[in-house]
Protein backbone atom coordinates (compact mmCIF):
# COMPACT_ATOMS: atom_id res chain seq x y z
CA UNK A 1 -2.80 -19.02 4.59
CA UNK A 2 -1.78 -17.55 7.93
CA UNK A 3 -1.06 -20.63 9.35
CA UNK A 4 0.99 -21.20 6.43
CA UNK A 5 2.89 -17.87 6.55
CA UNK A 6 3.79 -18.40 10.25
CA UNK A 7 4.92 -21.85 9.91
CA UNK A 8 7.25 -20.89 7.18
CA UNK A 9 8.67 -17.83 9.49
CA UNK A 10 9.14 -20.42 12.34
CA UNK A 11 11.41 -22.59 10.45
CA UNK A 12 13.34 -19.32 8.36
CA UNK A 13 13.15 -16.92 10.95
CA UNK A 14 17.03 -17.48 11.59
CA UNK A 15 18.53 -17.31 8.55
CA UNK A 16 17.34 -14.25 8.40
CA UNK A 17 19.12 -13.31 12.19
CA UNK A 18 15.76 -12.61 13.78
CA UNK A 19 13.66 -14.07 16.06
CA UNK A 20 10.32 -15.84 15.78
CA UNK A 21 8.44 -13.41 17.57
CA UNK A 22 9.57 -10.63 15.43
CA UNK A 23 6.63 -11.91 13.15
CA UNK A 24 3.11 -11.81 14.88
CA UNK A 25 -0.39 -11.58 14.62
CA UNK A 26 -3.36 -9.66 15.82
CA UNK A 27 -5.96 -11.53 16.41
CA UNK A 28 -9.24 -9.21 15.56
CA UNK A 29 -10.97 -10.89 13.69
CA UNK A 30 -10.90 -13.98 15.56
CA UNK A 31 -14.37 -16.01 16.62
CA UNK A 32 -15.45 -15.77 19.61
CA UNK A 33 -16.74 -18.81 21.23
CA UNK A 34 -20.26 -18.86 23.28
CA UNK A 35 -23.02 -17.47 22.78
CA UNK A 36 -23.96 -13.83 21.44
CA UNK A 37 -24.31 -12.38 24.85
CA UNK A 38 -20.54 -14.06 25.67
CA UNK A 39 -19.44 -13.32 22.56
CA UNK A 40 -20.74 -9.50 22.41
CA UNK A 41 -19.37 -9.62 26.17
CA UNK A 42 -15.66 -10.53 25.07
CA UNK A 43 -16.00 -8.21 22.23
CA UNK A 44 -16.77 -5.13 24.24
CA UNK A 45 -13.99 -6.18 26.43
CA UNK A 46 -11.50 -6.28 23.73
CA UNK A 47 -12.32 -3.05 22.50
CA UNK A 48 -11.82 -1.63 25.84
CA UNK A 49 -8.42 -3.26 26.12
CA UNK A 50 -7.15 -1.80 22.57
CA UNK A 51 -8.59 -3.84 19.64
CA UNK A 52 -9.09 -1.81 16.90
CA UNK A 53 -11.31 -2.77 13.46
CA UNK A 54 -8.89 -2.92 10.15
CA UNK A 55 -5.58 -3.93 12.25
CA UNK A 56 -3.80 -6.27 9.58
CA UNK A 57 -3.35 -9.90 10.33
CA UNK A 58 0.89 -9.54 10.78
CA UNK A 59 3.04 -7.23 11.35
CA UNK A 60 7.02 -8.07 11.26
CA UNK A 61 8.48 -5.96 13.74
CA UNK A 62 12.03 -5.05 11.49
CA UNK A 63 12.92 -1.78 10.19
CA UNK A 64 14.03 -1.75 6.57
CA UNK A 65 15.13 0.86 4.71
CA UNK A 66 12.47 4.02 4.83
CA UNK A 67 10.11 1.68 6.47
CA UNK A 68 9.33 0.48 10.46
CA UNK A 69 7.67 -2.61 9.53
CA UNK A 70 6.07 -4.38 7.41
CA UNK A 71 1.65 -4.94 8.06
CA UNK A 72 0.18 -7.82 6.25
CA UNK A 73 -3.04 -8.17 5.59
CA UNK A 74 -4.33 -11.58 4.38
CA UNK A 75 -6.99 -12.13 2.00
CA UNK A 76 -8.88 -15.02 0.33
CA UNK A 77 -8.69 -14.88 -3.56
CA UNK A 78 -12.15 -12.91 -3.68
CA UNK A 79 -11.45 -11.42 0.00
CA UNK A 80 -12.66 -7.40 0.25
CA UNK A 81 -10.70 -4.66 1.94
CA UNK A 82 -12.88 -3.39 4.15
CA UNK A 83 -13.23 0.53 4.90
CA UNK A 84 -11.73 0.48 8.28
CA UNK A 85 -9.30 -1.89 6.70
CA UNK A 86 -8.58 0.87 3.93
CA UNK A 87 -8.59 3.42 6.32
CA UNK A 88 -5.85 1.77 8.71
CA UNK A 89 -3.73 0.63 5.58
CA UNK A 90 -3.76 4.37 4.25
CA UNK A 91 -2.47 5.63 8.33
CA UNK A 92 0.06 2.82 8.11
CA UNK A 93 1.67 4.24 4.65
CA UNK A 94 1.46 7.97 5.36
CA UNK A 95 3.55 6.74 8.32
CA UNK A 96 6.13 4.78 7.25
CA UNK A 97 4.84 1.38 7.04
CA UNK A 98 4.76 -0.72 4.43
CA UNK A 99 1.69 -2.60 3.85
CA UNK A 100 1.38 -5.79 2.00
CA UNK A 101 -2.42 -7.74 0.87
CA UNK A 102 -1.42 -11.40 -0.32
CA UNK A 103 -3.89 -13.39 -1.32
CA UNK A 104 -1.89 -16.66 -0.55
CA UNK A 105 0.36 -17.84 1.65
CA UNK A 106 3.02 -17.90 -1.13
CA UNK A 107 2.15 -14.18 -2.00
CA UNK A 108 2.42 -13.28 1.66
CA UNK A 109 5.65 -15.16 2.08
CA UNK A 110 7.52 -13.62 -1.15
CA UNK A 111 6.12 -10.05 0.40
CA UNK A 112 7.90 -11.05 3.83
CA UNK A 113 11.06 -11.86 1.71
CA UNK A 114 10.92 -8.55 -0.62
CA UNK A 115 10.89 -6.86 2.73
CA UNK A 116 13.96 -8.15 3.75
CA UNK A 117 15.53 -7.69 0.87
CA UNK A 118 15.95 -11.18 -0.74
């Protein structure tokens, strides 16, 4: 879902007059290679440098209307939003961010188009 959404953005961003880097990912859920010990060490280092549970997958850093940016939490059709994600989304919405939870690339693309006023 994320790869397809970003691939679409890479082709369409110029049509919106926006740079590719305006949409970017936060790789909080990335798989950390190595054995359990190596993975735990990498995870601790990432947390020490600011990785936060619940961070949305993508951000479109473009202010629109009363919103600072669009935050996108991608989920599979049966994916469940975690308590950390609920908390993060509530915080973002309470502070002027638009948050979407699409369950397909088509839904994610539609969310970006909606946010950009298309």
